[in-house]
Each structure stands twice: as structure tokens, then as C-alpha cells.
Protein backbone atom coordinates (compact mmCIF):
# COMPACT_ATOMS: atom_id res chain seq x y z
CA MET A 1 0.00 0.04 0.04
CA THR A 2 1.39 3.63 -0.90
CA THR A 3 2.10 5.49 2.16
CA PHE A 4 1.41 9.13 2.84
CA SER A 5 5.09 9.97 2.63
CA THR A 6 5.38 8.13 -0.68
CA TYR A 7 2.40 10.00 -2.08
CA LEU A 8 4.06 13.29 -1.01
CA ASP A 9 7.27 12.36 -2.73
CA ALA A 10 5.35 11.59 -5.95
CA LEU A 11 3.55 14.88 -5.63
CA THR A 12 6.73 16.90 -5.61
CA SER A 13 8.74 15.05 -8.27
CA HIS A 14 7.76 16.62 -11.58
CA ALA A 15 5.52 18.90 -13.25
CA GLY A 16 3.03 16.22 -14.26
CA THR A 17 2.31 15.63 -10.79
CA ASP A 18 1.30 19.21 -10.33
CA ARG A 19 -1.60 18.47 -12.78
CA ARG A 20 -2.62 15.61 -10.62
CA ALA A 21 -2.41 17.72 -7.42
CA ARG A 22 -4.63 20.42 -9.05
CA LYS A 23 -6.98 17.78 -10.23
CA HIS A 24 -7.35 16.44 -6.66
CA TRP A 25 -7.74 20.00 -5.40
CA LEU A 26 -10.55 20.59 -7.86
CA LEU A 27 -12.16 17.24 -6.86
CA THR A 28 -11.73 18.05 -3.29
CA LYS A 29 -13.44 21.61 -3.92
CA ALA A 30 -16.45 20.02 -5.49
CA ALA A 31 -16.67 17.30 -2.93
CA GLN A 32 -16.70 19.95 -0.14
CA HIS A 33 -19.51 21.90 -1.85
CA THR A 34 -21.45 18.79 -2.18
CA PHE A 35 -20.81 17.64 1.38
CA LEU A 36 -21.76 20.97 2.73
CA LEU A 37 -25.05 21.29 0.78
CA LEU A 38 -26.08 17.59 1.53
CA SER A 39 -25.02 17.79 5.18
CA ASP A 40 -26.85 21.19 5.52
CA LEU A 41 -29.92 19.36 4.15
CA VAL A 42 -29.64 16.43 6.46
CA VAL A 43 -29.19 18.84 9.42
CA LEU A 44 -32.29 20.82 8.55
CA SER A 45 -34.30 17.55 8.11
CA VAL A 46 -33.32 16.25 11.47
CA SER A 47 -34.04 19.74 12.99
CA MET A 48 -37.46 19.69 11.82
CA LEU A 49 -38.22 16.30 13.16
CA VAL A 50 -36.79 17.23 16.53
CA ALA A 51 -38.79 20.25 16.61
CA THR A 52 -41.95 18.56 15.58
CA TYR A 53 -41.60 15.90 18.32
CA ALA A 54 -39.86 17.63 21.00
CA ARG A 55 -42.20 20.64 21.10
CA VAL A 56 -44.01 18.93 24.00
CA LEU A 57 -41.08 19.82 26.24
CA LEU A 58 -41.59 23.51 25.89
CA PRO A 59 -44.38 25.29 27.84
CA PHE A 60 -45.77 26.76 24.71
CA ASP A 61 -46.41 23.81 22.66
CA GLY A 62 -48.38 24.28 19.57
CA GLY A 63 -50.20 20.84 19.94
CA GLU A 64 -51.12 18.90 16.88
CA GLU A 65 -51.16 21.88 14.86
CA SER A 66 -47.26 21.94 14.87
CA ALA A 67 -46.91 18.61 13.05
CA HIS A 68 -49.29 19.92 10.33
CA VAL A 69 -47.47 23.21 10.04
CA MET A 70 -44.12 21.51 9.72
CA ALA A 71 -45.40 19.06 7.16
CA THR A 72 -46.76 21.92 4.88
CA THR A 73 -43.91 24.40 5.28
CA ALA A 74 -40.73 22.16 5.50
CA PRO A 75 -39.86 22.16 1.88
CA LEU A 76 -40.21 25.97 1.63
CA VAL A 77 -38.40 26.69 4.98
CA ALA A 78 -35.61 24.17 3.96
CA ALA A 79 -35.18 25.77 0.39
CA GLY A 80 -35.23 29.32 1.78
CA TRP A 81 -32.83 28.47 4.61
CA LEU A 82 -30.32 26.78 2.03
CA ALA A 83 -30.77 29.87 -0.21
CA MET A 84 -30.04 32.30 2.66
CA ILE A 85 -26.73 30.47 3.53
CA TYR A 86 -25.76 30.76 -0.01
CA ALA A 87 -26.54 34.38 -0.05
CA PHE A 88 -24.48 35.01 3.00
CA GLY A 89 -21.35 33.25 1.46
CA GLY A 90 -21.76 30.03 3.70
CA TYR A 91 -20.76 27.87 0.70
CA GLN A 92 -17.82 29.95 -0.56
CA LEU A 93 -14.64 27.73 0.15
CA ARG A 94 -12.42 30.82 0.40
CA HIS A 95 -14.04 31.55 3.74
CA GLN A 96 -13.65 28.04 5.09
CA ARG A 97 -10.12 28.27 6.20
CA ALA A 98 -11.18 30.96 8.78
CA GLY A 99 -13.44 29.32 11.18
CA ALA A 100 -14.81 32.46 12.89
CA THR A 101 -15.88 33.85 9.33
CA GLU A 102 -17.54 30.55 8.25
CA TYR A 103 -19.56 30.18 11.43
CA LYS A 104 -20.51 33.90 11.49
CA ARG A 105 -21.95 33.59 7.97
CA VAL A 106 -24.16 30.55 8.78
CA VAL A 107 -25.37 31.95 12.13
CA MET A 108 -26.33 35.34 10.39
CA ALA A 109 -28.07 33.43 7.56
CA SER A 110 -29.96 31.42 10.19
CA PHE A 111 -31.08 34.44 12.25
CA THR A 112 -32.00 36.27 8.96
CA MET A 113 -34.11 33.25 8.00
CA ALA A 114 -35.76 33.17 11.47
CA GLY A 115 -36.63 36.72 11.14
CA LEU A 116 -38.18 36.30 7.75
CA VAL A 117 -40.31 33.41 8.78
CA GLY A 118 -41.50 35.52 11.94
CA ILE A 119 -42.21 38.51 9.76
CA GLY A 120 -43.81 36.40 7.04
CA SER A 121 -46.08 34.67 9.55
CA TYR A 122 -47.14 38.02 11.04
CA LEU A 123 -47.91 39.75 7.61
CA LEU A 124 -49.69 36.72 6.21
CA LYS A 125 -51.59 36.06 9.46
CA ALA A 126 -50.40 32.49 9.31
CA GLU A 127 -49.84 30.46 12.54
CA PHE A 128 -46.38 29.16 13.14
CA PRO A 129 -46.36 27.75 16.72
CA ARG A 130 -43.85 29.20 19.02
CA GLY A 131 -42.45 25.91 20.17
CA LEU A 132 -41.76 24.74 16.88
CA TYR A 133 -40.17 28.01 15.82
CA VAL A 134 -37.74 28.19 18.85
CA LEU A 135 -36.64 24.49 18.46
CA LEU A 136 -36.36 24.57 14.74
CA PHE A 137 -34.06 27.59 14.43
CA THR A 138 -32.21 26.79 17.77
CA VAL A 139 -31.44 23.16 16.80
CA GLY A 140 -30.96 23.87 13.13
CA THR A 141 -28.50 26.71 13.59
CA ALA A 142 -26.40 24.62 16.29
CA GLY A 143 -26.49 21.71 13.98
CA LEU A 144 -25.21 23.83 10.96
CA VAL A 145 -22.18 25.12 13.01
CA LEU A 146 -21.42 21.77 14.35
CA THR A 147 -21.32 20.24 10.85
CA ARG A 148 -18.95 22.91 9.66
CA PHE A 149 -16.76 22.47 12.87
CA THR A 150 -16.56 18.71 12.16
CA ARG A 151 -15.75 19.27 8.45
CA ARG A 152 -12.88 21.63 9.45
CA LYS A 153 -11.43 19.13 11.98
CA VAL A 154 -11.65 16.29 9.47
CA MET A 155 -9.85 18.36 6.71
CA ALA A 156 -7.26 19.78 9.04
CA THR A 157 -6.34 16.11 10.00
CA VAL A 158 -6.29 15.09 6.37
CA HIS A 159 -4.11 18.04 5.38
CA ARG A 160 -1.72 17.27 8.23
CA GLN A 161 -1.04 13.90 6.58
CA GLY A 162 -0.23 15.58 3.27
CA VAL A 163 -3.30 14.71 1.49
CA LEU A 164 -5.62 16.78 -0.79
CA LEU A 165 -3.45 19.90 -0.67
CA THR A 166 -3.81 23.03 -2.78
CA PRO A 167 -0.83 23.63 -5.00
CA ILE A 168 0.13 27.28 -4.82
CA ILE A 169 3.00 29.53 -5.81
CA VAL A 170 4.07 32.69 -3.81
CA ALA A 171 4.96 35.86 -5.77
CA GLY A 172 7.01 38.81 -4.33
CA GLU A 173 10.45 39.68 -3.12
CA SER A 174 12.49 36.65 -1.92
CA GLY A 175 12.41 37.61 1.84
CA HIS A 176 8.80 38.04 1.96
CA VAL A 177 8.17 34.83 -0.10
CA ASP A 178 10.22 32.85 2.24
CA ALA A 179 8.43 34.32 5.33
CA ILE A 180 4.95 33.24 3.86
CA ALA A 181 6.23 29.83 2.86
CA LYS A 182 7.52 29.19 6.22
CA VAL A 183 4.03 29.99 7.84
CA LEU A 184 2.26 27.78 5.39
CA ARG A 185 4.68 24.87 5.90
CA ARG A 186 4.19 25.31 9.64
CA GLU A 187 0.60 25.50 9.61
CA THR A 188 -0.05 22.42 7.62
CA TRP A 189 -3.72 22.23 8.53
CA LEU A 190 -4.41 25.02 6.23
CA GLY A 191 -3.94 22.55 3.24
CA TYR A 192 -1.51 24.52 0.99
CA ARG A 193 1.50 23.03 -0.84
CA VAL A 194 3.94 25.65 -1.97
CA VAL A 195 5.35 24.50 -5.28
CA GLY A 196 7.57 27.29 -5.84
CA ALA A 197 7.92 31.09 -6.15
CA VAL A 198 7.85 33.84 -8.77
CA THR A 199 10.02 36.89 -7.93
CA ARG A 200 11.51 40.06 -9.27
CA ASP A 201 14.90 38.71 -8.27
CA ARG A 202 16.89 37.01 -10.80
CA VAL A 203 17.80 33.81 -8.73
CA ASP A 204 17.27 30.08 -9.08
CA HIS A 205 16.05 29.60 -5.41
CA THR A 206 15.21 31.84 -2.61
CA THR A 207 17.16 32.27 0.56
CA ALA A 208 15.37 29.40 2.15
CA GLY A 209 15.75 27.19 -0.81
CA LEU A 210 12.32 27.61 -2.50
CA PRO A 211 12.60 27.08 -6.28
CA VAL A 212 12.02 30.27 -8.39
CA LEU A 213 9.95 29.29 -11.24
CA GLY A 214 10.02 32.55 -13.12
CA SER A 215 9.52 36.33 -12.65
CA VAL A 216 6.47 38.07 -11.50
CA ALA A 217 5.77 38.94 -15.25
CA ASP A 218 5.75 35.11 -15.87
CA THR A 219 3.10 34.27 -13.40
CA VAL A 220 0.33 33.29 -15.94
CA GLU A 221 2.83 31.02 -17.82
CA VAL A 222 3.90 29.45 -14.50
CA ILE A 223 0.30 28.70 -13.61
CA GLU A 224 -0.28 27.09 -16.80
CA GLU A 225 2.70 24.99 -16.80
CA HIS A 226 2.33 23.68 -13.18
CA ASP A 227 -1.47 23.83 -13.01
CA ILE A 228 -1.34 26.06 -9.98
CA ALA A 229 -4.72 26.58 -8.08
CA THR A 230 -3.66 29.58 -5.94
CA VAL A 231 -1.44 32.48 -6.16
CA ILE A 232 -0.31 34.33 -3.06
CA PHE A 233 0.99 38.00 -3.86
CA ALA A 234 3.26 39.21 -1.20
CA GLU A 235 4.87 42.63 -0.85
CA GLY A 236 7.15 43.39 -3.73
CA SER A 237 5.12 41.69 -6.41
CA PHE A 238 3.91 44.75 -8.28
CA ALA A 239 5.80 48.11 -9.06
CA SER A 240 2.49 49.94 -9.28
CA PRO A 241 -1.51 49.48 -8.94
CA ALA A 242 -1.86 49.22 -12.57
CA ASP A 243 0.45 46.16 -12.63
CA PHE A 244 -1.75 44.44 -10.19
CA ARG A 245 -4.88 45.34 -12.16
CA ARG A 246 -3.48 43.91 -15.33
CA MET A 247 -2.42 40.75 -13.38
CA ALA A 248 -6.01 40.38 -12.12
CA TRP A 249 -7.43 40.71 -15.72
CA GLU A 250 -4.90 37.94 -17.14
CA LEU A 251 -6.04 35.54 -14.18
CA GLU A 252 -9.74 36.31 -14.71
CA GLU A 253 -10.47 33.30 -16.80
CA LYS A 254 -7.88 30.96 -15.17
CA ALA A 255 -10.04 29.93 -12.14
CA VAL A 256 -7.12 30.76 -10.00
CA HIS A 257 -7.77 31.99 -6.50
CA MET A 258 -5.77 35.25 -5.79
CA ILE A 259 -4.57 36.03 -2.29
CA VAL A 260 -2.76 39.39 -1.55
CA VAL A 261 -0.70 39.64 1.68
CA PRO A 262 -0.41 43.23 2.80
CA ALA A 263 2.53 44.65 4.56
CA LEU A 264 0.50 44.49 7.83
CA THR A 265 1.39 41.51 10.04
CA ASP A 266 0.13 40.11 13.19
CA VAL A 267 -2.98 42.33 13.14
CA SER A 268 -6.36 40.53 13.80
CA ALA A 269 -9.27 40.98 11.50
CA GLN A 270 -11.17 42.73 14.24
CA ARG A 271 -8.82 45.70 14.07
CA LEU A 272 -9.09 46.00 10.36
CA ASP A 273 -11.96 47.83 8.37
CA VAL A 274 -11.52 47.96 4.61
CA ARG A 275 -13.28 50.62 2.79
CA PRO A 276 -12.89 51.80 -0.87
CA VAL A 277 -12.32 55.40 -1.27
CA ALA A 278 -11.97 56.82 -4.84
CA GLY A 279 -10.96 53.43 -6.10
CA LEU A 280 -8.45 52.96 -3.39
CA PRO A 281 -8.94 49.99 -0.88
CA LEU A 282 -8.13 51.88 2.24
CA VAL A 283 -7.53 49.78 5.38
CA ASP A 284 -8.36 51.46 8.73
CA VAL A 285 -6.24 49.76 11.43
CA ASP A 286 -7.56 50.22 15.07
CA ARG A 287 -5.00 50.95 17.64
CA PRO A 288 -3.27 48.01 19.54
CA GLN A 289 -5.38 46.64 22.59
CA ALA A 290 -2.79 46.54 25.43
CA ILE A 291 -4.51 49.38 27.20
CA GLU A 292 -7.73 47.60 26.73
CA ALA A 293 -6.32 44.41 28.19
CA ALA A 294 -5.77 46.20 31.40
CA ARG A 295 -9.43 47.45 31.76
CA TRP A 296 -11.71 46.42 34.62
CA ILE A 297 -13.74 43.86 32.61
CA LYS A 298 -10.63 41.62 32.04
CA ARG A 299 -9.84 42.01 35.81
CA LEU A 300 -13.41 41.31 36.81
CA PHE A 301 -13.32 38.17 34.68
CA ASP A 302 -9.96 37.09 36.23
CA VAL A 303 -11.39 37.45 39.73
CA VAL A 304 -14.68 35.71 39.11
CA GLY A 305 -13.05 32.85 36.93
CA SER A 306 -9.99 32.15 39.20
CA ALA A 307 -12.35 32.13 42.47
CA LEU A 308 -14.61 29.51 40.75
CA LEU A 309 -11.71 27.46 39.39
CA LEU A 310 -10.03 27.46 42.77
CA LEU A 311 -13.23 26.07 44.41
CA LEU A 312 -13.68 23.51 41.73
CA ALA A 313 -9.98 22.44 41.64
CA SER A 314 -9.50 22.28 45.44
CA PRO A 315 -10.01 18.53 45.79
CA VAL A 316 -7.46 17.83 42.87
CA MET A 317 -5.07 20.34 44.47
CA GLY A 318 -5.27 18.51 47.78
CA LEU A 319 -4.50 15.26 46.25
CA VAL A 320 -1.52 16.58 44.29
CA ALA A 321 -0.17 18.26 47.45
CA LEU A 322 -0.35 14.95 49.44
CA ALA A 323 1.30 13.14 46.61
CA ILE A 324 4.25 15.52 46.39
CA LYS A 325 4.66 15.40 50.19
CA LEU A 326 4.68 11.58 50.38
CA GLU A 327 7.09 11.20 47.48
CA ASP A 328 10.25 12.97 49.15
CA ARG A 329 8.91 14.87 52.22
CA GLY A 330 10.01 17.97 50.58
CA PRO A 331 7.91 21.38 50.40
CA VAL A 332 4.83 21.20 48.46
CA MET A 333 4.97 24.60 46.87
CA PHE A 334 7.60 26.14 44.68
CA ARG A 335 7.88 29.86 44.75
CA GLN A 336 9.72 31.55 42.01
CA THR A 337 10.18 35.23 41.18
CA ARG A 338 8.54 36.28 37.94
CA VAL A 339 8.05 39.51 36.15
CA GLY A 340 4.68 40.86 35.85
CA ARG A 341 2.87 43.77 34.20
CA LYS A 342 5.10 46.90 33.73
CA GLY A 343 8.08 44.89 35.14
CA GLN A 344 6.76 44.48 38.59
CA VAL A 345 7.99 41.16 40.21
CA PHE A 346 5.95 38.79 42.12
CA GLU A 347 6.17 35.37 43.59
CA CYS A 348 4.60 32.81 41.05
CA LEU A 349 3.21 29.78 42.72
CA LYS A 350 3.43 26.23 41.55
CA PHE A 351 3.23 22.76 42.78
CA ARG A 352 6.82 21.50 43.09
CA SER A 353 7.70 18.98 40.24
CA MET A 354 11.38 19.09 40.68
CA SER A 355 13.85 17.75 43.19
CA VAL A 356 14.48 20.04 46.29
CA ASP A 357 17.92 20.89 44.85
CA ALA A 358 16.83 21.69 41.37
CA GLU A 359 18.09 25.18 41.19
CA ALA A 360 21.43 24.14 42.38
CA ARG A 361 21.75 21.60 39.54
CA LEU A 362 20.59 23.94 36.76
CA ALA A 363 24.17 25.23 36.03
CA ALA A 364 25.43 21.75 35.31
CA LEU A 365 22.60 21.07 32.78
CA MET A 366 22.93 24.23 30.79
CA ALA A 367 25.09 22.58 28.12
CA LYS A 368 22.10 20.25 27.40
CA ASN A 369 19.53 23.11 27.07
CA GLU A 370 17.22 22.53 24.04
CA GLY A 371 15.55 25.86 24.18
CA ALA A 372 16.17 28.88 22.03
CA GLY A 373 16.58 32.29 23.33
CA PRO A 374 16.60 32.82 27.16
CA LEU A 375 14.34 29.95 27.80
CA PHE A 376 15.78 26.56 29.40
CA LYS A 377 14.08 23.56 27.86
CA MET A 378 15.09 19.92 28.32
CA THR A 379 12.90 17.08 27.24
CA ASN A 380 14.13 14.49 29.92
CA ASP A 381 15.16 16.75 32.74
CA PRO A 382 16.61 14.45 35.45
CA ARG A 383 15.47 16.96 38.20
CA ILE A 384 11.89 16.16 37.65
CA THR A 385 10.27 13.90 40.14
CA ARG A 386 7.82 10.96 39.36
CA VAL A 387 4.93 12.88 40.67
CA GLY A 388 6.29 16.16 38.95
CA ARG A 389 6.29 14.45 35.51
CA PHE A 390 2.67 13.39 35.93
CA ILE A 391 1.45 16.83 37.09
CA ARG A 392 3.39 18.60 34.42
CA ARG A 393 1.94 16.37 31.64
CA PHE A 394 -1.55 17.64 32.54
CA SER A 395 -0.41 20.98 33.85
CA LEU A 396 -1.57 20.43 37.38
CA ASP A 397 1.49 21.82 38.64
CA GLU A 398 0.17 25.33 37.62
CA LEU A 399 -3.15 25.24 39.50
CA PRO A 400 -1.74 27.34 42.53
CA GLN A 401 -1.29 30.17 39.95
CA LEU A 402 -5.13 30.55 40.18
CA TRP A 403 -4.34 32.39 43.55
CA ASN A 404 -1.81 34.70 41.61
CA ALA A 405 -4.68 35.50 39.23
CA LEU A 406 -7.02 36.12 42.14
CA ARG A 407 -4.40 38.52 43.76
CA GLY A 408 -3.91 40.35 40.56
CA ASP A 409 -0.37 39.21 39.83
CA MET A 410 -1.34 37.26 36.88
CA SER A 411 -4.38 36.90 34.55
CA LEU A 412 -6.17 33.81 33.46
CA VAL A 413 -4.90 34.60 29.76
CA GLY A 414 -1.91 36.42 28.79
CA PRO A 415 1.85 36.02 27.86
CA ARG A 416 4.02 33.42 29.53
CA PRO A 417 5.36 34.77 33.00
CA ALA A 418 9.05 35.36 32.54
CA LEU A 419 11.99 35.13 34.87
CA PRO A 420 14.01 38.20 35.74
CA THR A 421 17.04 36.74 33.91
CA GLU A 422 15.00 36.37 30.69
CA VAL A 423 13.59 39.88 30.81
CA ALA A 424 17.19 41.09 31.24
CA GLN A 425 17.85 39.80 27.72
CA TYR A 426 14.69 41.22 26.11
CA ASP A 427 14.96 43.67 23.24
CA SER A 428 12.73 46.67 22.90
CA ASP A 429 10.09 44.77 21.04
CA THR A 430 10.02 41.86 23.28
CA ARG A 431 9.44 44.13 26.37
CA ARG A 432 6.00 44.73 24.85
CA ARG A 433 4.97 41.51 26.46
CA LEU A 434 5.08 43.33 29.76
CA ASP A 435 2.38 45.67 28.97
CA VAL A 436 -0.13 43.15 30.20
CA ARG A 437 -0.50 40.84 33.15
CA PRO A 438 1.23 37.35 32.44
CA GLY A 439 -1.28 34.57 32.18
CA LEU A 440 -1.78 31.04 33.41
CA THR A 441 -2.43 30.18 29.65
CA GLY A 442 -2.18 32.02 26.32
CA LEU A 443 -1.77 31.64 22.66
CA TRP A 444 1.79 29.97 23.47
CA GLN A 445 -0.19 27.38 25.55
CA VAL A 446 -2.66 26.29 22.73
CA SER A 447 -0.15 26.61 19.95
CA GLY A 448 2.43 24.02 20.92
CA ARG A 449 3.49 24.70 24.52
CA SER A 450 7.22 23.54 25.08
CA ASN A 451 7.52 22.70 21.30
CA LEU A 452 7.44 26.32 20.17
CA SER A 453 10.66 28.16 19.42
CA TRP A 454 11.59 31.35 21.38
CA ASP A 455 10.87 33.46 18.23
CA ASP A 456 7.33 31.86 17.79
CA THR A 457 6.58 32.36 21.63
CA VAL A 458 7.40 36.03 21.38
CA ARG A 459 5.39 36.53 18.14
CA LEU A 460 2.34 34.91 19.74
CA ASP A 461 2.62 36.95 22.83
CA LEU A 462 2.92 40.14 20.99
CA TYR A 463 0.02 39.17 18.79
CA TYR A 464 -2.03 38.69 21.99
CA VAL A 465 -1.07 41.99 23.45
CA ASP A 466 -1.86 44.02 20.41
CA ASN A 467 -5.17 42.15 19.41
CA TRP A 468 -6.60 41.35 22.87
CA SER A 469 -10.38 40.68 23.20
CA MET A 470 -12.57 38.92 25.62
CA VAL A 471 -13.90 36.56 22.71
CA GLN A 472 -10.20 35.65 22.24
CA ASP A 473 -9.61 34.98 25.97
CA LEU A 474 -12.62 32.59 26.05
CA MET A 475 -11.54 30.81 22.91
CA ILE A 476 -8.00 30.36 24.45
CA LEU A 477 -9.43 29.00 27.57
CA ALA A 478 -11.54 26.44 25.61
CA LYS A 479 -8.48 25.39 23.66
CA THR A 480 -6.42 25.16 26.80
CA ALA A 481 -8.62 22.45 28.12
CA LYS A 482 -8.12 20.40 24.92
CA ALA A 483 -4.30 20.97 25.06
CA VAL A 484 -3.93 19.95 28.60
CA VAL A 485 -5.99 16.75 28.16
CA GLY A 486 -4.01 15.78 25.06
CA SER A 487 -0.73 16.87 27.01
CA ALA A 488 0.86 17.84 23.56
CA GLY A 489 4.16 19.56 23.97
CA ALA A 490 4.27 19.40 27.89
CA TYR A 491 7.43 18.35 29.61
């Protein structure tokens, strides 16, 4: 049987396989359209059945009339609902690599359909039982979102195995091309396979070794030769707006997806507002959110959240403390000086997971440091105790930091709390991490934990500081639970 690695080698061997890759991409695109349409139809059918038979659980049951109404209006409601999802862009695959956008479009389409049904029933003086109405649009909307969530997870898993990838080229200056290619290779779940680059530099390969297939002026010929499905235009692709316009004209009939990467980096979509003015696509960029992240609403969330979590986790914390004490009779708690918001130091609390003399043994292990930057990392650190290895695997050693969050030293979500020795090595950009309280968890926690490089850790922390929002905090907390249970990257 052909393995995934053999399949990948075959895909990258010669130009003929690029045509197969594009064919696979086109088939996948058609299959996803069909899957979404059919799955939505199934979800709506099930929702109608649930609404019809579960209406008796609500206090405003419509009686037998509900079944009659559902039977007579089901085809019209289903067709209208699907049409509304289509009108809101719920079947456009270019939105399906951004989960928030995909879910938002489906939810807005569902709310609009619910509003139209309600208004239509009022204007036509038609009876649409309230119990049926509430259940139909509640269950239906949740089902539509869940279906898309499941599809995303399945496709991400398939893409990580190197299957059903979209063949792309990246255009622009070599440095920008390499930066984009690096991100796409790291985020394999996106499903892109970088075939090569087209640049304005006269070189055979970019600095990172990506093959240069031609100049930017040869983009159309390169697309035809390698059957490219998507082109990403990075900074330096065009000398003038007119050049971009002409390129768009040339690609108009090629069924090629165009993506333009602006010079802006690490700015969330919530801070961007694109508006055309006199033919210019101006982008309004909202200010960074570091000040907002220090407002009372985040502090209130930390106090309430940490208090509730301390209450819920207290039995587990008691068992962990007992296990640590029984193993070597040493202290249960480990206190370490960390740097908080605006450079203020505090005692960060953790359950002790290392031997009592761990700090004294650190100097002897520095030669085996596996971390980059000022961080010390070691996969098989001999100082870690048996209990310590278990509690680290599931992040139980960090539970006492809930007390730090309650006191205000830390936040539930934020950058990783740094040691004074690490902060002493910060450059001016990295010190930006200190503009908000450090967190028990953060983007670094849900994006690889100890497997992240120092540069990636800093990049994620700075992104969090500049793009803070309560919604993002809630999403990080939800993803943290999954990362902790999976124990990926923890050591």
C-alpha cells in the first residue's frame, strides 16, 4: 500500500504531478461543496423532526397543529434556509479556512431566515407555533455550525497527513516569499502545498531554498505549466497598482484564487476595516489593545473565573499536594520570582515538580539546553520527580497560579510569565509582552507549549497583546482544556 510519505514524494517529483495535485484540489473543492449542501439538508431535516416531536417539552407547545405546519412548510423553509446560507457566502470555500468567518456567515443566515419566517407569519396572519419555531431555529443553527466544525477538523487532519493539498505559488520579493512559505509549511492544517515562487529577483532559489519558477511577469505561464490553483502575492510583487490590475485581468479566466498579503502583519481581522475610497482599498487599522487588556472587565473576569476554578479544583489540588509530600517529604509549593505587568516582580506559585535541589543543579545542565533564546528547556530533565512528571503532563503543577490570578499578579490568559534573567535579555520589541499581566495560559499554551521556538513564543505573545479581546480569551481557555487533556508539547 502506498504510504502518505510516498504520496508526498510523488507529488513533488515533476510538473506532471502538479496537474494531478490540481485535479485532486478541484475534486476536493467540488466534494466539499456537495458535502456542505447535503449535510445542511440532513441537518435541517433532522432539526424539523426534532422540533416536531420535542415541542411537548416546551411550555408553549403548539399541539397537533405543529406537525401539520411543519409538514406543509418544511420544503419551503428548507429551500429558503439553504438559499439564505448561499446568499451570505456560507458555501464559498475561500471563507472555510477561517473558522470564525465561516460560522458567523451561517449564524447570520440562520438568524435572517428566522426573522423572515417570523415577519412572514405576522404579515400573512399565518400560525407558526412558537415551540416549533424556537426548537427549529435553535437546533438547526447549532447543527449547521457543528457540521462545519466537524468538517474543518476532518480536513485539518487530512491536510496534516499531506493529502488533498492545494498547489500554490508565492509571488514577491524573496524575503517576503520565504516568510509566507515558512508559515504555510508550519500551519499544515491550512492545506496549502507551496510549489515554488515567482520573484522580481533573478535567482534560481530563494534564500530558504524555495525554487524560483520565473519572474512575476511570468506568473500566468507558470500557473499554466504547473497547474497552480492559488497564487499568493506578497509585498514586492507589483511596481504599481496598474500592474496588479493587469495581473487580475490576466488571471480572470484561469479559475485561479488570488490572495494578496499586505505589509501588515500580526493584526487581527477585528482591528481592520477595509473601505474603498475613490477606487483605493483603504484599510483602517484600530489601535493596539494593550490598554484595553488592562481594563476592569478583564480584571473582573479574572477574579470571578479564578475564584470559581479554585473552588472546583480544590479536591485535585489537595491530592496533588499529598502526593508531592509523600514522595520525598519536601515542600509542596515552589515559589519563583517572575516579572509581571510593567516589570513588577511577584512570587509565582506552582506545585513542586522537581527535586528540592533543582536550582543548584541547573548550571550543570545548561550545556544540554534544548531551548532557544533565554528559555531553558530539556525534554528529559533529570531533576523532575515522578509525581512532577505526571502533574506537568496535565499542567496540574500550575493550579496554584489561580491564586496569583485572584490576587492580581497574573491573569487567566496572557503572555507566559518570565523570569528576571529572561527579561534582562529582552530587546525593545519583546518588552512589549510586559504591557499586560502574564497568564496561566495563552496563545503559546494552545499553539505548541514547550515545542515552540523562542521566536514563535514572542510572536504569539505580541500578537495577543496587540489584538486582545474577551472573545479571544474565552477561545484560548476553551482550547487550553483540549491542549492539557492531550498533553501535547508538555514536559
